[in-house]
Each structure stands twice: as structure tokens, then as C-alpha cells.
Amino acid sequence: TDNMSLQQFHDTLAELSRLVDTAGGDVLQTVQQ
């Protein structure tokens, strides 16, 4: 969204990927908008 910087957005997605991995899931792809 407009209130996020590009770096914040990428950090958020990287952290979510780590969370999914920690929960035992396999991240196959990321879709962004």
C-alpha cells in the first residue's frame, strides 16, 4: 500500500516466508500487488 516503502514490503514478505517455513509449509511462489 501507499504507506509502505518497497524495503518494508520486501522485509514483510521475507518474514512471512520464514513464518510459513517455521510452521512446516513449503512456499512455492509469491504473488504481489
Full PDB file with SEQRES, HELIX, SHEET, SSBOND, CRYST1, ORIGX, SCALE, CONECT and MASTER records, all heavy atoms in Angstrom:
SEQRES   1 A   33  THR ASP ASN MET SER LEU GLN GLN PHE HIS ASP THR LEU          
SEQRES   2 A   33  ALA GLU LEU SER ARG LEU VAL ASP THR ALA GLY GLY ASP          
SEQRES   3 A   33  VAL LEU GLN THR VAL GLN GLN                                  
HELIX    1 AA1 LEU A    6  ALA A   23  1                                  18    
CRYST1    1.000    1.000    1.000  90.00  90.00  90.00 P 1           1          
ORIGX1      1.000000  0.000000  0.000000        0.00000                         
ORIGX2      0.000000  1.000000  0.000000        0.00000                         
ORIGX3      0.000000  0.000000  1.000000        0.00000                         
SCALE1      1.000000  0.000000  0.000000        0.00000                         
SCALE2      0.000000  1.000000  0.000000        0.00000                         
SCALE3      0.000000  0.000000  1.000000        0.00000                         
ATOM      1  N   THR A   1       0.835  -1.195   0.000  1.00  0.00           N  
ATOM      2  CA  THR A   1       0.000   0.000   0.000  1.00  0.00           C  
ATOM      3  C   THR A   1       0.875   1.252   0.000  1.00  0.00           C  
ATOM      4  O   THR A   1       2.097   1.171   0.148  1.00  0.00           O  
ATOM      5  CB  THR A   1      -0.928   0.006   1.229  1.00  0.00           C  
ATOM      6  OG1 THR A   1      -0.152  -0.199   2.412  1.00  0.00           O  
ATOM      7  CG2 THR A   1      -1.959  -1.102   1.125  1.00  0.00           C  
ATOM      8  N   ASP A   2       0.227   2.412  -0.146  1.00  0.00           N  
ATOM      9  CA  ASP A   2       0.977   3.665  -0.289  1.00  0.00           C  
ATOM     10  C   ASP A   2       1.782   4.037   0.949  1.00  0.00           C  
ATOM     11  O   ASP A   2       2.740   4.805   0.863  1.00  0.00           O  
ATOM     12  CB  ASP A   2       0.009   4.812  -0.625  1.00  0.00           C  
ATOM     13  CG  ASP A   2      -0.578   4.662  -2.026  1.00  0.00           C  
ATOM     14  OD1 ASP A   2       0.003   3.903  -2.811  1.00  0.00           O  
ATOM     15  OD2 ASP A   2      -1.611   5.302  -2.308  1.00  0.00           O  
ATOM     16  N   ASN A   3       1.376   3.521   2.124  1.00  0.00           N  
ATOM     17  CA  ASN A   3       2.080   3.895   3.352  1.00  0.00           C  
ATOM     18  C   ASN A   3       3.271   2.976   3.648  1.00  0.00           C  
ATOM     19  O   ASN A   3       3.841   3.034   4.718  1.00  0.00           O  
ATOM     20  CB  ASN A   3       1.115   3.884   4.546  1.00  0.00           C  
ATOM     21  CG  ASN A   3       0.506   2.507   4.772  1.00  0.00           C  
ATOM     22  OD1 ASN A   3       0.629   1.627   3.924  1.00  0.00           O  
ATOM     23  ND2 ASN A   3      -0.139   2.325   5.909  1.00  0.00           N  
ATOM     24  N   MET A   4       3.635   2.128   2.698  1.00  0.00           N  
ATOM     25  CA  MET A   4       4.767   1.213   2.886  1.00  0.00           C  
ATOM     26  C   MET A   4       5.885   1.569   1.905  1.00  0.00           C  
ATOM     27  O   MET A   4       5.619   1.914   0.748  1.00  0.00           O  
ATOM     28  CB  MET A   4       4.352  -0.246   2.629  1.00  0.00           C  
ATOM     29  CG  MET A   4       3.292  -0.796   3.539  1.00  0.00           C  
ATOM     30  SD  MET A   4       2.845  -2.502   3.070  1.00  0.00           S  
ATOM     31  CE  MET A   4       4.322  -3.386   3.575  1.00  0.00           C  
ATOM     32  N   SER A   5       7.114   1.454   2.377  1.00  0.00           N  
ATOM     33  CA  SER A   5       8.242   1.579   1.459  1.00  0.00           C  
ATOM     34  C   SER A   5       8.481   0.227   0.795  1.00  0.00           C  
ATOM     35  O   SER A   5       8.025  -0.813   1.289  1.00  0.00           O  
ATOM     36  CB  SER A   5       9.502   2.014   2.206  1.00  0.00           C  
ATOM     37  OG  SER A   5       9.954   0.968   3.061  1.00  0.00           O  
ATOM     38  N   LEU A   6       9.190   0.245  -0.308  1.00  0.00           N  
ATOM     39  CA  LEU A   6       9.489  -1.004  -1.025  1.00  0.00           C  
ATOM     40  C   LEU A   6      10.292  -1.949  -0.146  1.00  0.00           C  
ATOM     41  O   LEU A   6      10.052  -3.165  -0.131  1.00  0.00           O  
ATOM     42  CB  LEU A   6      10.245  -0.690  -2.317  1.00  0.00           C  
ATOM     43  CG  LEU A   6      10.501  -1.881  -3.254  1.00  0.00           C  
ATOM     44  CD1 LEU A   6       9.181  -2.486  -3.712  1.00  0.00           C  
ATOM     45  CD2 LEU A   6      11.344  -1.435  -4.454  1.00  0.00           C  
ATOM     46  N   GLN A   7      11.229  -1.390   0.631  1.00  0.00           N  
ATOM     47  CA  GLN A   7      12.046  -2.233   1.513  1.00  0.00           C  
ATOM     48  C   GLN A   7      11.188  -2.869   2.611  1.00  0.00           C  
ATOM     49  O   GLN A   7      11.348  -4.063   2.913  1.00  0.00           O  
ATOM     50  CB  GLN A   7      13.169  -1.397   2.139  1.00  0.00           C  
ATOM     51  CG  GLN A   7      14.183  -2.211   2.945  1.00  0.00           C  
ATOM     52  CD  GLN A   7      14.863  -3.264   2.097  1.00  0.00           C  
ATOM     53  OE1 GLN A   7      15.400  -2.971   1.028  1.00  0.00           O  
ATOM     54  NE2 GLN A   7      14.843  -4.520   2.551  1.00  0.00           N  
ATOM     55  N   GLN A   8      10.277  -2.086   3.191  1.00  0.00           N  
ATOM     56  CA  GLN A   8       9.379  -2.644   4.210  1.00  0.00           C  
ATOM     57  C   GLN A   8       8.547  -3.787   3.641  1.00  0.00           C  
ATOM     58  O   GLN A   8       8.351  -4.823   4.296  1.00  0.00           O  
ATOM     59  CB  GLN A   8       8.431  -1.554   4.730  1.00  0.00           C  
ATOM     60  CG  GLN A   8       9.049  -0.589   5.715  1.00  0.00           C  
ATOM     61  CD  GLN A   8       8.045   0.494   6.107  1.00  0.00           C  
ATOM     62  OE1 GLN A   8       7.322   1.039   5.272  1.00  0.00           O  
ATOM     63  NE2 GLN A   8       7.986   0.798   7.390  1.00  0.00           N  
ATOM     64  N   PHE A   9       8.081  -3.595   2.427  1.00  0.00           N  
ATOM     65  CA  PHE A   9       7.246  -4.615   1.779  1.00  0.00           C  
ATOM     66  C   PHE A   9       8.035  -5.905   1.578  1.00  0.00           C  
ATOM     67  O   PHE A   9       7.564  -6.997   1.896  1.00  0.00           O  
ATOM     68  CB  PHE A   9       6.731  -4.072   0.449  1.00  0.00           C  
ATOM     69  CG  PHE A   9       5.845  -5.023  -0.302  1.00  0.00           C  
ATOM     70  CD1 PHE A   9       4.701  -5.545   0.285  1.00  0.00           C  
ATOM     71  CD2 PHE A   9       6.156  -5.386  -1.606  1.00  0.00           C  
ATOM     72  CE1 PHE A   9       3.877  -6.419  -0.420  1.00  0.00           C  
ATOM     73  CE2 PHE A   9       5.342  -6.255  -2.310  1.00  0.00           C  
ATOM     74  CZ  PHE A   9       4.200  -6.766  -1.714  1.00  0.00           C  
ATOM     75  N   HIS A  10       9.246  -5.775   1.071  1.00  0.00           N  
ATOM     76  CA  HIS A  10      10.074  -6.965   0.841  1.00  0.00           C  
ATOM     77  C   HIS A  10      10.439  -7.648   2.162  1.00  0.00           C  
ATOM     78  O   HIS A  10      10.463  -8.878   2.248  1.00  0.00           O  
ATOM     79  CB  HIS A  10      11.340  -6.581   0.065  1.00  0.00           C  
ATOM     80  CG  HIS A  10      11.065  -6.251  -1.373  1.00  0.00           C  
ATOM     81  ND1 HIS A  10      11.918  -5.485  -2.141  1.00  0.00           N  
ATOM     82  CD2 HIS A  10      10.035  -6.582  -2.184  1.00  0.00           C  
ATOM     83  CE1 HIS A  10      11.426  -5.356  -3.357  1.00  0.00           C  
ATOM     84  NE2 HIS A  10      10.281  -6.015  -3.408  1.00  0.00           N  
ATOM     85  N   ASP A  11      10.715  -6.853   3.187  1.00  0.00           N  
ATOM     86  CA  ASP A  11      11.018  -7.432   4.507  1.00  0.00           C  
ATOM     87  C   ASP A  11       9.816  -8.197   5.054  1.00  0.00           C  
ATOM     88  O   ASP A  11       9.961  -9.281   5.630  1.00  0.00           O  
ATOM     89  CB  ASP A  11      11.421  -6.327   5.494  1.00  0.00           C  
ATOM     90  CG  ASP A  11      12.779  -5.727   5.177  1.00  0.00           C  
ATOM     91  OD1 ASP A  11      13.538  -6.352   4.411  1.00  0.00           O  
ATOM     92  OD2 ASP A  11      13.068  -4.633   5.683  1.00  0.00           O  
ATOM     93  N   THR A  12       8.619  -7.632   4.853  1.00  0.00           N  
ATOM     94  CA  THR A  12       7.392  -8.282   5.332  1.00  0.00           C  
ATOM     95  C   THR A  12       7.183  -9.628   4.649  1.00  0.00           C  
ATOM     96  O   THR A  12       6.861 -10.630   5.292  1.00  0.00           O  
ATOM     97  CB  THR A  12       6.169  -7.381   5.072  1.00  0.00           C  
ATOM     98  OG1 THR A  12       6.331  -6.167   5.804  1.00  0.00           O  
ATOM     99  CG2 THR A  12       4.878  -8.053   5.517  1.00  0.00           C  
ATOM    100  N   LEU A  13       7.395  -9.665   3.335  1.00  0.00           N  
ATOM    101  CA  LEU A  13       7.213 -10.909   2.593  1.00  0.00           C  
ATOM    102  C   LEU A  13       8.274 -11.938   2.974  1.00  0.00           C  
ATOM    103  O   LEU A  13       7.975 -13.136   3.093  1.00  0.00           O  
ATOM    104  CB  LEU A  13       7.262 -10.645   1.083  1.00  0.00           C  
ATOM    105  CG  LEU A  13       6.075  -9.881   0.491  1.00  0.00           C  
ATOM    106  CD1 LEU A  13       6.233  -9.730  -1.019  1.00  0.00           C  
ATOM    107  CD2 LEU A  13       4.771 -10.586   0.808  1.00  0.00           C  
ATOM    108  N   ALA A  14       9.510 -11.472   3.164  1.00  0.00           N  
ATOM    109  CA  ALA A  14      10.575 -12.402   3.569  1.00  0.00           C  
ATOM    110  C   ALA A  14      10.270 -12.997   4.941  1.00  0.00           C  
ATOM    111  O   ALA A  14      10.476 -14.196   5.177  1.00  0.00           O  
ATOM    112  CB  ALA A  14      11.925 -11.676   3.580  1.00  0.00           C  
ATOM    113  N   GLU A  15       9.763 -12.172   5.855  1.00  0.00           N  
ATOM    114  CA  GLU A  15       9.423 -12.657   7.192  1.00  0.00           C  
ATOM    115  C   GLU A  15       8.253 -13.640   7.130  1.00  0.00           C  
ATOM    116  O   GLU A  15       8.258 -14.666   7.822  1.00  0.00           O  
ATOM    117  CB  GLU A  15       9.062 -11.474   8.090  1.00  0.00           C  
ATOM    118  CG  GLU A  15       8.756 -11.875   9.520  1.00  0.00           C  
ATOM    119  CD  GLU A  15       8.553 -10.661  10.403  1.00  0.00           C  
ATOM    120  OE1 GLU A  15       7.423 -10.143  10.462  1.00  0.00           O  
ATOM    121  OE2 GLU A  15       9.537 -10.216  11.019  1.00  0.00           O  
ATOM    122  N   LEU A  16       7.249 -13.342   6.291  1.00  0.00           N  
ATOM    123  CA  LEU A  16       6.119 -14.257   6.159  1.00  0.00           C  
ATOM    124  C   LEU A  16       6.574 -15.600   5.592  1.00  0.00           C  
ATOM    125  O   LEU A  16       6.091 -16.663   6.015  1.00  0.00           O  
ATOM    126  CB  LEU A  16       5.053 -13.630   5.251  1.00  0.00           C  
ATOM    127  CG  LEU A  16       3.766 -14.437   5.083  1.00  0.00           C  
ATOM    128  CD1 LEU A  16       3.114 -14.723   6.429  1.00  0.00           C  
ATOM    129  CD2 LEU A  16       2.796 -13.714   4.169  1.00  0.00           C  
ATOM    130  N   SER A  17       7.502 -15.556   4.664  1.00  0.00           N  
ATOM    131  CA  SER A  17       8.040 -16.807   4.115  1.00  0.00           C  
ATOM    132  C   SER A  17       8.738 -17.620   5.206  1.00  0.00           C  
ATOM    133  O   SER A  17       8.595 -18.849   5.276  1.00  0.00           O  
ATOM    134  CB  SER A  17       9.014 -16.488   2.973  1.00  0.00           C  
ATOM    135  OG  SER A  17       9.495 -17.669   2.387  1.00  0.00           O  
ATOM    136  N   ARG A  18       9.480 -16.938   6.086  1.00  0.00           N  
ATOM    137  CA  ARG A  18      10.117 -17.621   7.220  1.00  0.00           C  
ATOM    138  C   ARG A  18       9.076 -18.202   8.176  1.00  0.00           C  
ATOM    139  O   ARG A  18       9.238 -19.313   8.703  1.00  0.00           O  
ATOM    140  CB  ARG A  18      11.005 -16.647   8.000  1.00  0.00           C  
ATOM    141  CG  ARG A  18      12.329 -16.292   7.349  1.00  0.00           C  
ATOM    142  CD  ARG A  18      13.311 -17.464   7.304  1.00  0.00           C  
ATOM    143  NE  ARG A  18      13.524 -18.103   8.594  1.00  0.00           N  
ATOM    144  CZ  ARG A  18      14.382 -17.683   9.521  1.00  0.00           C  
ATOM    145  NH1 ARG A  18      15.102 -16.601   9.309  1.00  0.00           N  
ATOM    146  NH2 ARG A  18      14.526 -18.350  10.647  1.00  0.00           N  
ATOM    147  N   LEU A  19       8.001 -17.452   8.406  1.00  0.00           N  
ATOM    148  CA  LEU A  19       6.935 -17.939   9.276  1.00  0.00           C  
ATOM    149  C   LEU A  19       6.305 -19.211   8.706  1.00  0.00           C  
ATOM    150  O   LEU A  19       6.074 -20.179   9.430  1.00  0.00           O  
ATOM    151  CB  LEU A  19       5.866 -16.865   9.456  1.00  0.00           C  
ATOM    152  CG  LEU A  19       6.212 -15.685  10.371  1.00  0.00           C  
ATOM    153  CD1 LEU A  19       5.189 -14.571  10.214  1.00  0.00           C  
ATOM    154  CD2 LEU A  19       6.286 -16.132  11.829  1.00  0.00           C  
ATOM    155  N   VAL A  20       6.019 -19.192   7.417  1.00  0.00           N  
ATOM    156  CA  VAL A  20       5.420 -20.372   6.772  1.00  0.00           C  
ATOM    157  C   VAL A  20       6.369 -21.558   6.859  1.00  0.00           C  
ATOM    158  O   VAL A  20       5.954 -22.688   7.155  1.00  0.00           O  
ATOM    159  CB  VAL A  20       5.063 -20.057   5.303  1.00  0.00           C  
ATOM    160  CG1 VAL A  20       4.677 -21.323   4.551  1.00  0.00           C  
ATOM    161  CG2 VAL A  20       3.933 -19.045   5.237  1.00  0.00           C  
ATOM    162  N   ASP A  21       7.648 -21.298   6.619  1.00  0.00           N  
ATOM    163  CA  ASP A  21       8.646 -22.362   6.711  1.00  0.00           C  
ATOM    164  C   ASP A  21       8.718 -22.916   8.135  1.00  0.00           C  
ATOM    165  O   ASP A  21       8.774 -24.135   8.344  1.00  0.00           O  
ATOM    166  CB  ASP A  21      10.013 -21.812   6.286  1.00  0.00           C  
ATOM    167  CG  ASP A  21      11.104 -22.864   6.351  1.00  0.00           C  
ATOM    168  OD1 ASP A  21      11.036 -23.832   5.585  1.00  0.00           O  
ATOM    169  OD2 ASP A  21      12.025 -22.721   7.197  1.00  0.00           O  
ATOM    170  N   THR A  22       8.692 -22.038   9.129  1.00  0.00           N  
ATOM    171  CA  THR A  22       8.717 -22.467  10.528  1.00  0.00           C  
ATOM    172  C   THR A  22       7.482 -23.291  10.871  1.00  0.00           C  
ATOM    173  O   THR A  22       7.551 -24.254  11.634  1.00  0.00           O  
ATOM    174  CB  THR A  22       8.806 -21.243  11.459  1.00  0.00           C  
ATOM    175  OG1 THR A  22       9.987 -20.504  11.137  1.00  0.00           O  
ATOM    176  CG2 THR A  22       8.853 -21.658  12.919  1.00  0.00           C  
ATOM    177  N   ALA A  23       6.334 -22.925  10.278  1.00  0.00           N  
ATOM    178  CA  ALA A  23       5.089 -23.650  10.540  1.00  0.00           C  
ATOM    179  C   ALA A  23       5.048 -24.996   9.837  1.00  0.00           C  
ATOM    180  O   ALA A  23       4.143 -25.800  10.096  1.00  0.00           O  
ATOM    181  CB  ALA A  23       3.894 -22.804  10.108  1.00  0.00           C  
ATOM    182  N   GLY A  24       6.019 -25.247   8.945  1.00  0.00           N  
ATOM    183  CA  GLY A  24       6.074 -26.543   8.266  1.00  0.00           C  
ATOM    184  C   GLY A  24       5.533 -26.529   6.861  1.00  0.00           C  
ATOM    185  O   GLY A  24       5.270 -27.593   6.289  1.00  0.00           O  
ATOM    186  N   GLY A  25       5.370 -25.350   6.257  1.00  0.00           N  
ATOM    187  CA  GLY A  25       4.871 -25.274   4.886  1.00  0.00           C  
ATOM    188  C   GLY A  25       5.992 -25.041   3.892  1.00  0.00           C  
ATOM    189  O   GLY A  25       7.085 -24.608   4.248  1.00  0.00           O  
ATOM    190  N   ASP A  26       5.719 -25.356   2.632  1.00  0.00           N  
ATOM    191  CA  ASP A  26       6.666 -25.110   1.541  1.00  0.00           C  
ATOM    192  C   ASP A  26       6.123 -23.981   0.677  1.00  0.00           C  
ATOM    193  O   ASP A  26       5.051 -24.108   0.073  1.00  0.00           O  
ATOM    194  CB  ASP A  26       6.844 -26.364   0.673  1.00  0.00           C  
ATOM    195  CG  ASP A  26       7.493 -27.500   1.439  1.00  0.00           C  
ATOM    196  OD1 ASP A  26       8.475 -27.233   2.145  1.00  0.00           O  
ATOM    197  OD2 ASP A  26       7.022 -28.651   1.330  1.00  0.00           O  
ATOM    198  N   VAL A  27       6.835 -22.863   0.637  1.00  0.00           N  
ATOM    199  CA  VAL A  27       6.413 -21.723  -0.174  1.00  0.00           C  
ATOM    200  C   VAL A  27       6.805 -21.989  -1.630  1.00  0.00           C  
ATOM    201  O   VAL A  27       7.985 -22.098  -1.952  1.00  0.00           O  
ATOM    202  CB  VAL A  27       7.057 -20.411   0.318  1.00  0.00           C  
ATOM    203  CG1 VAL A  27       6.642 -19.251  -0.581  1.00  0.00           C  
ATOM    204  CG2 VAL A  27       6.666 -20.137   1.762  1.00  0.00           C  
ATOM    205  N   LEU A  28       5.803 -22.096  -2.506  1.00  0.00           N  
ATOM    206  CA  LEU A  28       6.069 -22.386  -3.914  1.00  0.00           C  
ATOM    207  C   LEU A  28       6.208 -21.117  -4.744  1.00  0.00           C  
ATOM    208  O   LEU A  28       6.948 -21.092  -5.715  1.00  0.00           O  
ATOM    209  CB  LEU A  28       4.941 -23.250  -4.495  1.00  0.00           C  
ATOM    210  CG  LEU A  28       4.689 -24.593  -3.798  1.00  0.00           C  
ATOM    211  CD1 LEU A  28       3.670 -25.402  -4.582  1.00  0.00           C  
ATOM    212  CD2 LEU A  28       5.983 -25.390  -3.651  1.00  0.00           C  
ATOM    213  N   GLN A  29       5.488 -20.073  -4.366  1.00  0.00           N  
ATOM    214  CA  GLN A  29       5.547 -18.838  -5.155  1.00  0.00           C  
ATOM    215  C   GLN A  29       4.937 -17.699  -4.347  1.00  0.00           C  
ATOM    216  O   GLN A  29       4.178 -17.932  -3.407  1.00  0.00           O  
ATOM    217  CB  GLN A  29       4.786 -19.019  -6.481  1.00  0.00           C  
ATOM    218  CG  GLN A  29       5.069 -17.926  -7.510  1.00  0.00           C  
ATOM    219  CD  GLN A  29       4.558 -18.311  -8.895  1.00  0.00           C  
ATOM    220  OE1 GLN A  29       4.802 -19.417  -9.367  1.00  0.00           O  
ATOM    221  NE2 GLN A  29       3.844 -17.418  -9.541  1.00  0.00           N  
ATOM    222  N   THR A  30       5.278 -16.481  -4.732  1.00  0.00           N  
ATOM    223  CA  THR A  30       4.702 -15.283  -4.114  1.00  0.00           C  
ATOM    224  C   THR A  30       4.056 -14.427  -5.185  1.00  0.00           C  
ATOM    225  O   THR A  30       4.663 -14.178  -6.229  1.00  0.00           O  
ATOM    226  CB  THR A  30       5.784 -14.468  -3.383  1.00  0.00           C  
ATOM    227  OG1 THR A  30       6.363 -15.271  -2.346  1.00  0.00           O  
ATOM    228  CG2 THR A  30       5.189 -13.228  -2.749  1.00  0.00           C  
ATOM    229  N   VAL A  31       2.820 -14.008  -4.932  1.00  0.00           N  
ATOM    230  CA  VAL A  31       2.106 -13.103  -5.834  1.00  0.00           C  
ATOM    231  C   VAL A  31       2.000 -11.746  -5.145  1.00  0.00           C  
ATOM    232  O   VAL A  31       1.651 -11.675  -3.966  1.00  0.00           O  
ATOM    233  CB  VAL A  31       0.698 -13.640  -6.168  1.00  0.00           C  
ATOM    234  CG1 VAL A  31      -0.080 -12.639  -7.002  1.00  0.00           C  
ATOM    235  CG2 VAL A  31       0.803 -14.969  -6.902  1.00  0.00           C  
ATOM    236  N   GLN A  32       2.310 -10.671  -5.872  1.00  0.00           N  
ATOM    237  CA  GLN A  32       2.334  -9.338  -5.277  1.00  0.00           C  
ATOM    238  C   GLN A  32       1.390  -8.407  -6.026  1.00  0.00           C  
ATOM    239  O   GLN A  32       1.161  -8.573  -7.219  1.00  0.00           O  
ATOM    240  CB  GLN A  32       3.748  -8.751  -5.324  1.00  0.00           C  
ATOM    241  CG  GLN A  32       4.794  -9.610  -4.647  1.00  0.00           C  
ATOM    242  CD  GLN A  32       6.187  -9.036  -4.804  1.00  0.00           C  
ATOM    243  OE1 GLN A  32       6.367  -7.885  -5.198  1.00  0.00           O  
ATOM    244  NE2 GLN A  32       7.193  -9.841  -4.505  1.00  0.00           N  
ATOM    245  N   GLN A  33       0.863  -7.427  -5.304  1.00  0.00           N  
ATOM    246  CA  GLN A  33       0.071  -6.372  -5.935  1.00  0.00           C  
ATOM    247  C   GLN A  33       0.284  -5.064  -5.183  1.00  0.00           C  
ATOM    248  O   GLN A  33       0.365  -5.063  -3.950  1.00  0.00           O  
ATOM    249  CB  GLN A  33      -1.422  -6.715  -5.947  1.00  0.00           C  
ATOM    250  CG  GLN A  33      -2.249  -5.672  -6.704  1.00  0.00           C  
ATOM    251  CD  GLN A  33      -3.708  -6.029  -6.833  1.00  0.00           C  
ATOM    252  OE1 GLN A  33      -4.321  -6.520  -5.894  1.00  0.00           O  
ATOM    253  NE2 GLN A  33      -4.287  -5.785  -7.995  1.00  0.00           N  
TER     254      GLN A  33                                                      
MASTER        0    0    0    1    0    0    0    6  253    1    0    3          
END                                                                             
